[in-house]
Amino acid sequence: EDLMGCVLANVISVYGSTPDLKYFLPRLLEVAIQK
């Protein structure tokens, strides 16, 4: 979850391209609704 927080806050929002988002998307959504 800590890594996903980093991915969401920095990489996906700032650096990432569409394939980057699609790779992480299911895990990002899973983490987003768990807490």
PDB file of all heavy atoms in Angstrom:
ATOM      1  N   GLU A   1       0.827  -1.200   0.000  1.00  0.00           N
ATOM      2  CA  GLU A   1       0.000   0.000   0.000  1.00  0.00           C
ATOM      3  C   GLU A   1       0.864   1.254   0.000  1.00  0.00           C
ATOM      4  O   GLU A   1       0.510   2.260  -0.636  1.00  0.00           O
ATOM      5  CB  GLU A   1      -0.934  -0.012   1.215  1.00  0.00           C
ATOM      6  CG  GLU A   1      -1.986  -1.105   1.156  1.00  0.00           C
ATOM      7  CD  GLU A   1      -2.959  -1.029   2.312  1.00  0.00           C
ATOM      8  OE1 GLU A   1      -2.925  -0.015   3.051  1.00  0.00           O
ATOM      9  OE2 GLU A   1      -3.749  -1.972   2.485  1.00  0.00           O
ATOM     10  N   ASP A   2       1.985   1.231   0.711  1.00  0.00           N
ATOM     11  CA  ASP A   2       2.875   2.391   0.723  1.00  0.00           C
ATOM     12  C   ASP A   2       3.394   2.688  -0.680  1.00  0.00           C
ATOM     13  O   ASP A   2       3.456   3.850  -1.098  1.00  0.00           O
ATOM     14  CB  ASP A   2       4.057   2.164   1.672  1.00  0.00           C
ATOM     15  CG  ASP A   2       3.647   2.228   3.130  1.00  0.00           C
ATOM     16  OD1 ASP A   2       2.546   2.755   3.411  1.00  0.00           O
ATOM     17  OD2 ASP A   2       4.411   1.745   3.983  1.00  0.00           O
ATOM     18  N   LEU A   3       3.759   1.652  -1.402  1.00  0.00           N
ATOM     19  CA  LEU A   3       4.249   1.846  -2.758  1.00  0.00           C
ATOM     20  C   LEU A   3       3.137   2.383  -3.649  1.00  0.00           C
ATOM     21  O   LEU A   3       3.361   3.275  -4.480  1.00  0.00           O
ATOM     22  CB  LEU A   3       4.786   0.541  -3.328  1.00  0.00           C
ATOM     23  CG  LEU A   3       5.333   0.606  -4.764  1.00  0.00           C
ATOM     24  CD1 LEU A   3       6.491   1.588  -4.855  1.00  0.00           C
ATOM     25  CD2 LEU A   3       5.775  -0.776  -5.228  1.00  0.00           C
ATOM     26  N   MET A   4       1.916   1.890  -3.472  1.00  0.00           N
ATOM     27  CA  MET A   4       0.808   2.379  -4.272  1.00  0.00           C
ATOM     28  C   MET A   4       0.506   3.841  -3.979  1.00  0.00           C
ATOM     29  O   MET A   4       0.122   4.613  -4.864  1.00  0.00           O
ATOM     30  CB  MET A   4      -0.445   1.528  -4.025  1.00  0.00           C
ATOM     31  CG  MET A   4      -0.391   0.138  -4.641  1.00  0.00           C
ATOM     32  SD  MET A   4      -0.193   0.162  -6.455  1.00  0.00           S
ATOM     33  CE  MET A   4       1.586   0.001  -6.592  1.00  0.00           C
ATOM     34  N   GLY A   5       0.685   4.244  -2.729  1.00  0.00           N
ATOM     35  CA  GLY A   5       0.515   5.658  -2.396  1.00  0.00           C
ATOM     36  C   GLY A   5       1.513   6.520  -3.136  1.00  0.00           C
ATOM     37  O   GLY A   5       1.174   7.604  -3.640  1.00  0.00           O
ATOM     38  N   CYS A   6       2.737   6.052  -3.241  1.00  0.00           N
ATOM     39  CA  CYS A   6       3.777   6.760  -3.995  1.00  0.00           C
ATOM     40  C   CYS A   6       3.424   6.798  -5.473  1.00  0.00           C
ATOM     41  O   CYS A   6       3.563   7.831  -6.137  1.00  0.00           O
ATOM     42  CB  CYS A   6       5.121   6.084  -3.770  1.00  0.00           C
ATOM     43  SG  CYS A   6       6.480   6.808  -4.704  1.00  0.00           S
ATOM     44  N   VAL A   7       2.948   5.676  -5.990  1.00  0.00           N
ATOM     45  CA  VAL A   7       2.574   5.608  -7.397  1.00  0.00           C
ATOM     46  C   VAL A   7       1.465   6.603  -7.708  1.00  0.00           C
ATOM     47  O   VAL A   7       1.519   7.356  -8.690  1.00  0.00           O
ATOM     48  CB  VAL A   7       2.133   4.176  -7.768  1.00  0.00           C
ATOM     49  CG1 VAL A   7       1.462   4.157  -9.141  1.00  0.00           C
ATOM     50  CG2 VAL A   7       3.331   3.236  -7.769  1.00  0.00           C
ATOM     51  N   LEU A   8       0.442   6.649  -6.859  1.00  0.00           N
ATOM     52  CA  LEU A   8      -0.693   7.530  -7.106  1.00  0.00           C
ATOM     53  C   LEU A   8      -0.300   8.996  -6.976  1.00  0.00           C
ATOM     54  O   LEU A   8      -0.652   9.830  -7.812  1.00  0.00           O
ATOM     55  CB  LEU A   8      -1.831   7.209  -6.132  1.00  0.00           C
ATOM     56  CG  LEU A   8      -3.081   8.082  -6.277  1.00  0.00           C
ATOM     57  CD1 LEU A   8      -3.679   7.951  -7.676  1.00  0.00           C
ATOM     58  CD2 LEU A   8      -4.121   7.702  -5.229  1.00  0.00           C
ATOM     59  N   ALA A   9       0.455   9.320  -5.944  1.00  0.00           N
ATOM     60  CA  ALA A   9       0.765  10.719  -5.668  1.00  0.00           C
ATOM     61  C   ALA A   9       1.774  11.305  -6.637  1.00  0.00           C
ATOM     62  O   ALA A   9       1.731  12.498  -6.938  1.00  0.00           O
ATOM     63  CB  ALA A   9       1.281  10.856  -4.239  1.00  0.00           C
ATOM     64  N   ASN A  10       2.683  10.480  -7.124  1.00  0.00           N
ATOM     65  CA  ASN A  10       3.786  11.022  -7.914  1.00  0.00           C
ATOM     66  C   ASN A  10       3.811  10.510  -9.350  1.00  0.00           C
ATOM     67  O   ASN A  10       3.720  11.288 -10.293  1.00  0.00           O
ATOM     68  CB  ASN A  10       5.123  10.672  -7.243  1.00  0.00           C
ATOM     69  CG  ASN A  10       5.240  11.271  -5.863  1.00  0.00           C
ATOM     70  OD1 ASN A  10       5.178  12.476  -5.715  1.00  0.00           O
ATOM     71  ND2 ASN A  10       5.397  10.431  -4.849  1.00  0.00           N
ATOM     72  N   VAL A  11       3.915   9.221  -9.501  1.00  0.00           N
ATOM     73  CA  VAL A  11       4.203   8.675 -10.818  1.00  0.00           C
ATOM     74  C   VAL A  11       3.004   8.771 -11.751  1.00  0.00           C
ATOM     75  O   VAL A  11       3.095   9.312 -12.856  1.00  0.00           O
ATOM     76  CB  VAL A  11       4.701   7.222 -10.699  1.00  0.00           C
ATOM     77  CG1 VAL A  11       5.055   6.670 -12.069  1.00  0.00           C
ATOM     78  CG2 VAL A  11       5.905   7.168  -9.787  1.00  0.00           C
ATOM     79  N   ILE A  12       1.851   8.255 -11.331  1.00  0.00           N
ATOM     80  CA  ILE A  12       0.689   8.252 -12.203  1.00  0.00           C
ATOM     81  C   ILE A  12       0.243   9.680 -12.502  1.00  0.00           C
ATOM     82  O   ILE A  12      -0.107  10.032 -13.633  1.00  0.00           O
ATOM     83  CB  ILE A  12      -0.455   7.445 -11.572  1.00  0.00           C
ATOM     84  CG1 ILE A  12      -0.058   5.974 -11.450  1.00  0.00           C
ATOM     85  CG2 ILE A  12      -1.731   7.585 -12.401  1.00  0.00           C
ATOM     86  CD1 ILE A  12       0.340   5.320 -12.761  1.00  0.00           C
ATOM     87  N   SER A  13       0.265  10.543 -11.511  1.00  0.00           N
ATOM     88  CA  SER A  13      -0.224  11.902 -11.699  1.00  0.00           C
ATOM     89  C   SER A  13       0.749  12.782 -12.462  1.00  0.00           C
ATOM     90  O   SER A  13       0.345  13.733 -13.123  1.00  0.00           O
ATOM     91  CB  SER A  13      -0.529  12.535 -10.333  1.00  0.00           C
ATOM     92  OG  SER A  13      -1.518  11.796  -9.656  1.00  0.00           O
ATOM     93  N   VAL A  14       2.047  12.494 -12.367  1.00  0.00           N
ATOM     94  CA  VAL A  14       3.049  13.408 -12.907  1.00  0.00           C
ATOM     95  C   VAL A  14       3.830  12.793 -14.060  1.00  0.00           C
ATOM     96  O   VAL A  14       3.982  13.392 -15.122  1.00  0.00           O
ATOM     97  CB  VAL A  14       4.018  13.856 -11.794  1.00  0.00           C
ATOM     98  CG1 VAL A  14       5.053  14.823 -12.353  1.00  0.00           C
ATOM     99  CG2 VAL A  14       3.255  14.503 -10.651  1.00  0.00           C
ATOM    100  N   TYR A  15       4.320  11.577 -13.870  1.00  0.00           N
ATOM    101  CA  TYR A  15       5.267  11.003 -14.816  1.00  0.00           C
ATOM    102  C   TYR A  15       4.677   9.947 -15.745  1.00  0.00           C
ATOM    103  O   TYR A  15       5.169   9.740 -16.846  1.00  0.00           O
ATOM    104  CB  TYR A  15       6.439  10.359 -14.048  1.00  0.00           C
ATOM    105  CG  TYR A  15       7.179  11.310 -13.164  1.00  0.00           C
ATOM    106  CD1 TYR A  15       6.907  11.372 -11.802  1.00  0.00           C
ATOM    107  CD2 TYR A  15       8.158  12.153 -13.679  1.00  0.00           C
ATOM    108  CE1 TYR A  15       7.586  12.245 -10.975  1.00  0.00           C
ATOM    109  CE2 TYR A  15       8.849  13.028 -12.847  1.00  0.00           C
ATOM    110  CZ  TYR A  15       8.559  13.071 -11.498  1.00  0.00           C
ATOM    111  OH  TYR A  15       9.230  13.941 -10.683  1.00  0.00           O
ATOM    112  N   GLY A  16       3.664   9.236 -15.282  1.00  0.00           N
ATOM    113  CA  GLY A  16       3.279   8.001 -15.945  1.00  0.00           C
ATOM    114  C   GLY A  16       2.530   8.192 -17.255  1.00  0.00           C
ATOM    115  O   GLY A  16       1.823   9.170 -17.461  1.00  0.00           O
ATOM    116  N   SER A  17       2.672   7.203 -18.132  1.00  0.00           N
ATOM    117  CA  SER A  17       1.942   7.156 -19.393  1.00  0.00           C
ATOM    118  C   SER A  17       0.763   6.189 -19.234  1.00  0.00           C
ATOM    119  O   SER A  17       0.560   5.594 -18.174  1.00  0.00           O
ATOM    120  CB  SER A  17       2.863   6.686 -20.512  1.00  0.00           C
ATOM    121  OG  SER A  17       3.327   5.369 -20.258  1.00  0.00           O
ATOM    122  N   THR A  18      -0.002   6.003 -20.317  1.00  0.00           N
ATOM    123  CA  THR A  18      -1.172   5.131 -20.251  1.00  0.00           C
ATOM    124  C   THR A  18      -0.822   3.686 -19.883  1.00  0.00           C
ATOM    125  O   THR A  18      -1.488   3.093 -19.024  1.00  0.00           O
ATOM    126  CB  THR A  18      -1.934   5.174 -21.579  1.00  0.00           C
ATOM    127  OG1 THR A  18      -2.314   6.523 -21.850  1.00  0.00           O
ATOM    128  CG2 THR A  18      -3.175   4.304 -21.527  1.00  0.00           C
ATOM    129  N   PRO A  19       0.201   3.063 -20.488  1.00  0.00           N
ATOM    130  CA  PRO A  19       0.542   1.695 -20.068  1.00  0.00           C
ATOM    131  C   PRO A  19       0.933   1.613 -18.589  1.00  0.00           C
ATOM    132  O   PRO A  19       0.642   0.613 -17.926  1.00  0.00           O
ATOM    133  CB  PRO A  19       1.725   1.325 -20.972  1.00  0.00           C
ATOM    134  CG  PRO A  19       1.559   2.192 -22.169  1.00  0.00           C
ATOM    135  CD  PRO A  19       1.005   3.481 -21.658  1.00  0.00           C
ATOM    136  N   ASP A  20       1.587   2.655 -18.075  1.00  0.00           N
ATOM    137  CA  ASP A  20       1.930   2.666 -16.649  1.00  0.00           C
ATOM    138  C   ASP A  20       0.662   2.621 -15.790  1.00  0.00           C
ATOM    139  O   ASP A  20       0.557   1.851 -14.837  1.00  0.00           O
ATOM    140  CB  ASP A  20       2.733   3.932 -16.301  1.00  0.00           C
ATOM    141  CG  ASP A  20       4.001   4.062 -17.109  1.00  0.00           C
ATOM    142  OD1 ASP A  20       4.613   3.028 -17.416  1.00  0.00           O
ATOM    143  OD2 ASP A  20       4.379   5.202 -17.436  1.00  0.00           O
ATOM    144  N   LEU A  21      -0.286   3.484 -16.140  1.00  0.00           N
ATOM    145  CA  LEU A  21      -1.541   3.515 -15.391  1.00  0.00           C
ATOM    146  C   LEU A  21      -2.259   2.179 -15.481  1.00  0.00           C
ATOM    147  O   LEU A  21      -2.755   1.660 -14.484  1.00  0.00           O
ATOM    148  CB  LEU A  21      -2.444   4.628 -15.922  1.00  0.00           C
ATOM    149  CG  LEU A  21      -3.859   4.672 -15.338  1.00  0.00           C
ATOM    150  CD1 LEU A  21      -3.813   4.926 -13.844  1.00  0.00           C
ATOM    151  CD2 LEU A  21      -4.701   5.730 -16.040  1.00  0.00           C
ATOM    152  N   LYS A  22      -2.325   1.608 -16.671  1.00  0.00           N
ATOM    153  CA  LYS A  22      -3.069   0.363 -16.846  1.00  0.00           C
ATOM    154  C   LYS A  22      -2.428  -0.790 -16.066  1.00  0.00           C
ATOM    155  O   LYS A  22      -3.142  -1.669 -15.561  1.00  0.00           O
ATOM    156  CB  LYS A  22      -3.176   0.016 -18.331  1.00  0.00           C
ATOM    157  CG  LYS A  22      -4.115   0.939 -19.097  1.00  0.00           C
ATOM    158  CD  LYS A  22      -4.268   0.502 -20.546  1.00  0.00           C
ATOM    159  CE  LYS A  22      -5.270   1.356 -21.293  1.00  0.00           C
ATOM    160  NZ  LYS A  22      -5.487   0.895 -22.674  1.00  0.00           N
ATOM    161  N   TYR A  23      -1.112  -0.793 -15.965  1.00  0.00           N
ATOM    162  CA  TYR A  23      -0.456  -1.846 -15.199  1.00  0.00           C
ATOM    163  C   TYR A  23      -0.857  -1.784 -13.729  1.00  0.00           C
ATOM    164  O   TYR A  23      -1.180  -2.800 -13.108  1.00  0.00           O
ATOM    165  CB  TYR A  23       1.060  -1.740 -15.332  1.00  0.00           C
ATOM    166  CG  TYR A  23       1.794  -2.738 -14.456  1.00  0.00           C
ATOM    167  CD1 TYR A  23       1.711  -4.105 -14.717  1.00  0.00           C
ATOM    168  CD2 TYR A  23       2.524  -2.308 -13.343  1.00  0.00           C
ATOM    169  CE1 TYR A  23       2.350  -5.020 -13.903  1.00  0.00           C
ATOM    170  CE2 TYR A  23       3.166  -3.222 -12.528  1.00  0.00           C
ATOM    171  CZ  TYR A  23       3.087  -4.577 -12.807  1.00  0.00           C
ATOM    172  OH  TYR A  23       3.716  -5.488 -11.996  1.00  0.00           O
ATOM    173  N   PHE A  24      -0.848  -0.572 -13.167  1.00  0.00           N
ATOM    174  CA  PHE A  24      -1.127  -0.411 -11.735  1.00  0.00           C
ATOM    175  C   PHE A  24      -2.612  -0.246 -11.415  1.00  0.00           C
ATOM    176  O   PHE A  24      -2.996  -0.336 -10.238  1.00  0.00           O
ATOM    177  CB  PHE A  24      -0.376   0.814 -11.194  1.00  0.00           C
ATOM    178  CG  PHE A  24       1.118   0.648 -11.107  1.00  0.00           C
ATOM    179  CD1 PHE A  24       1.955   1.383 -11.927  1.00  0.00           C
ATOM    180  CD2 PHE A  24       1.684  -0.239 -10.204  1.00  0.00           C
ATOM    181  CE1 PHE A  24       3.333   1.246 -11.846  1.00  0.00           C
ATOM    182  CE2 PHE A  24       3.062  -0.385 -10.119  1.00  0.00           C
ATOM    183  CZ  PHE A  24       3.889   0.361 -10.937  1.00  0.00           C
ATOM    184  N   LEU A  25      -3.445   0.011 -12.406  1.00  0.00           N
ATOM    185  CA  LEU A  25      -4.832   0.415 -12.168  1.00  0.00           C
ATOM    186  C   LEU A  25      -5.606  -0.496 -11.217  1.00  0.00           C
ATOM    187  O   LEU A  25      -6.203  -0.009 -10.239  1.00  0.00           O
ATOM    188  CB  LEU A  25      -5.570   0.529 -13.506  1.00  0.00           C
ATOM    189  CG  LEU A  25      -7.042   0.942 -13.399  1.00  0.00           C
ATOM    190  CD1 LEU A  25      -7.156   2.421 -13.069  1.00  0.00           C
ATOM    191  CD2 LEU A  25      -7.784   0.636 -14.706  1.00  0.00           C
ATOM    192  N   PRO A  26      -5.650  -1.820 -11.429  1.00  0.00           N
ATOM    193  CA  PRO A  26      -6.446  -2.641 -10.510  1.00  0.00           C
ATOM    194  C   PRO A  26      -5.973  -2.547  -9.064  1.00  0.00           C
ATOM    195  O   PRO A  26      -6.797  -2.465  -8.147  1.00  0.00           O
ATOM    196  CB  PRO A  26      -6.266  -4.062 -11.066  1.00  0.00           C
ATOM    197  CG  PRO A  26      -5.904  -3.862 -12.500  1.00  0.00           C
ATOM    198  CD  PRO A  26      -5.068  -2.621 -12.524  1.00  0.00           C
ATOM    199  N   ARG A  27      -4.673  -2.537  -8.859  1.00  0.00           N
ATOM    200  CA  ARG A  27      -4.153  -2.453  -7.487  1.00  0.00           C
ATOM    201  C   ARG A  27      -4.404  -1.075  -6.892  1.00  0.00           C
ATOM    202  O   ARG A  27      -4.726  -0.959  -5.703  1.00  0.00           O
ATOM    203  CB  ARG A  27      -2.655  -2.767  -7.495  1.00  0.00           C
ATOM    204  CG  ARG A  27      -2.010  -2.739  -6.104  1.00  0.00           C
ATOM    205  CD  ARG A  27      -2.628  -3.738  -5.164  1.00  0.00           C
ATOM    206  NE  ARG A  27      -1.929  -3.765  -3.882  1.00  0.00           N
ATOM    207  CZ  ARG A  27      -2.496  -4.063  -2.718  1.00  0.00           C
ATOM    208  NH1 ARG A  27      -3.791  -4.387  -2.664  1.00  0.00           N
ATOM    209  NH2 ARG A  27      -1.794  -4.068  -1.606  1.00  0.00           N
ATOM    210  N   LEU A  28      -4.287  -0.022  -7.699  1.00  0.00           N
ATOM    211  CA  LEU A  28      -4.589   1.319  -7.204  1.00  0.00           C
ATOM    212  C   LEU A  28      -6.035   1.415  -6.736  1.00  0.00           C
ATOM    213  O   LEU A  28      -6.330   1.978  -5.670  1.00  0.00           O
ATOM    214  CB  LEU A  28      -4.334   2.350  -8.305  1.00  0.00           C
ATOM    215  CG  LEU A  28      -2.881   2.710  -8.597  1.00  0.00           C
ATOM    216  CD1 LEU A  28      -2.798   3.531  -9.880  1.00  0.00           C
ATOM    217  CD2 LEU A  28      -2.258   3.479  -7.436  1.00  0.00           C
ATOM    218  N   LEU A  29      -6.964   0.851  -7.505  1.00  0.00           N
ATOM    219  CA  LEU A  29      -8.371   0.901  -7.123  1.00  0.00           C
ATOM    220  C   LEU A  29      -8.647   0.041  -5.902  1.00  0.00           C
ATOM    221  O   LEU A  29      -9.436   0.412  -5.025  1.00  0.00           O
ATOM    222  CB  LEU A  29      -9.241   0.465  -8.307  1.00  0.00           C
ATOM    223  CG  LEU A  29      -9.283   1.446  -9.478  1.00  0.00           C
ATOM    224  CD1 LEU A  29     -10.017   0.832 -10.660  1.00  0.00           C
ATOM    225  CD2 LEU A  29      -9.942   2.754  -9.062  1.00  0.00           C
ATOM    226  N   GLU A  30      -8.002  -1.103  -5.828  1.00  0.00           N
ATOM    227  CA  GLU A  30      -8.182  -1.974  -4.670  1.00  0.00           C
ATOM    228  C   GLU A  30      -7.735  -1.275  -3.393  1.00  0.00           C
ATOM    229  O   GLU A  30      -8.447  -1.277  -2.382  1.00  0.00           O
ATOM    230  CB  GLU A  30      -7.396  -3.268  -4.876  1.00  0.00           C
ATOM    231  CG  GLU A  30      -7.582  -4.286  -3.757  1.00  0.00           C
ATOM    232  CD  GLU A  30      -6.881  -5.596  -4.069  1.00  0.00           C
ATOM    233  OE1 GLU A  30      -5.704  -5.556  -4.516  1.00  0.00           O
ATOM    234  OE2 GLU A  30      -7.499  -6.655  -3.874  1.00  0.00           O
ATOM    235  N   VAL A  31      -6.565  -0.669  -3.445  1.00  0.00           N
ATOM    236  CA  VAL A  31      -6.042   0.031  -2.263  1.00  0.00           C
ATOM    237  C   VAL A  31      -6.914   1.241  -1.925  1.00  0.00           C
ATOM    238  O   VAL A  31      -7.167   1.540  -0.757  1.00  0.00           O
ATOM    239  CB  VAL A  31      -4.575   0.453  -2.505  1.00  0.00           C
ATOM    240  CG1 VAL A  31      -4.096   1.404  -1.420  1.00  0.00           C
ATOM    241  CG2 VAL A  31      -3.676  -0.783  -2.564  1.00  0.00           C
ATOM    242  N   ALA A  32      -7.399   1.931  -2.959  1.00  0.00           N
ATOM    243  CA  ALA A  32      -8.168   3.156  -2.739  1.00  0.00           C
ATOM    244  C   ALA A  32      -9.444   2.908  -1.944  1.00  0.00           C
ATOM    245  O   ALA A  32      -9.884   3.785  -1.191  1.00  0.00           O
ATOM    246  CB  ALA A  32      -8.509   3.801  -4.082  1.00  0.00           C
ATOM    247  N   ILE A  33     -10.058   1.741  -2.088  1.00  0.00           N
ATOM    248  CA  ILE A  33     -11.340   1.503  -1.407  1.00  0.00           C
ATOM    249  C   ILE A  33     -11.201   0.664  -0.148  1.00  0.00           C
ATOM    250  O   ILE A  33     -12.178   0.495   0.581  1.00  0.00           O
ATOM    251  CB  ILE A  33     -12.354   0.837  -2.356  1.00  0.00           C
ATOM    252  CG1 ILE A  33     -11.902  -0.565  -2.747  1.00  0.00           C
ATOM    253  CG2 ILE A  33     -12.592   1.700  -3.575  1.00  0.00           C
ATOM    254  CD1 ILE A  33     -12.937  -1.342  -3.549  1.00  0.00           C
ATOM    255  N   GLN A  34     -10.015   0.158   0.134  1.00  0.00           N
ATOM    256  CA  GLN A  34      -9.879  -0.742   1.274  1.00  0.00           C
ATOM    257  C   GLN A  34      -9.935  -0.011   2.612  1.00  0.00           C
ATOM    258  O   GLN A  34     -10.408  -0.571   3.602  1.00  0.00           O
ATOM    259  CB  GLN A  34      -8.580  -1.541   1.177  1.00  0.00           C
ATOM    260  CG  GLN A  34      -8.677  -2.729   0.236  1.00  0.00           C
ATOM    261  CD  GLN A  34      -7.387  -3.517   0.150  1.00  0.00           C
ATOM    262  OE1 GLN A  34      -6.299  -2.977   0.344  1.00  0.00           O
ATOM    263  NE2 GLN A  34      -7.494  -4.787  -0.158  1.00  0.00           N
ATOM    264  N   LYS A  35      -9.465   1.221   2.652  1.00  0.00           N
ATOM    265  CA  LYS A  35      -9.449   1.961   3.911  1.00  0.00           C
ATOM    266  C   LYS A  35     -10.490   3.074   3.853  1.00  0.00           C
ATOM    267  O   LYS A  35     -10.472   3.895   2.941  1.00  0.00           O
ATOM    268  CB  LYS A  35      -8.056   2.516   4.186  1.00  0.00           C
ATOM    269  CG  LYS A  35      -7.052   1.410   4.475  1.00  0.00           C
ATOM    270  CD  LYS A  35      -5.780   1.939   5.091  1.00  0.00           C
ATOM    271  CE  LYS A  35      -4.856   0.793   5.504  1.00  0.00           C
ATOM    272  NZ  LYS A  35      -3.615   1.280   6.133  1.00  0.00           N
TER     273      LYS A  35
END
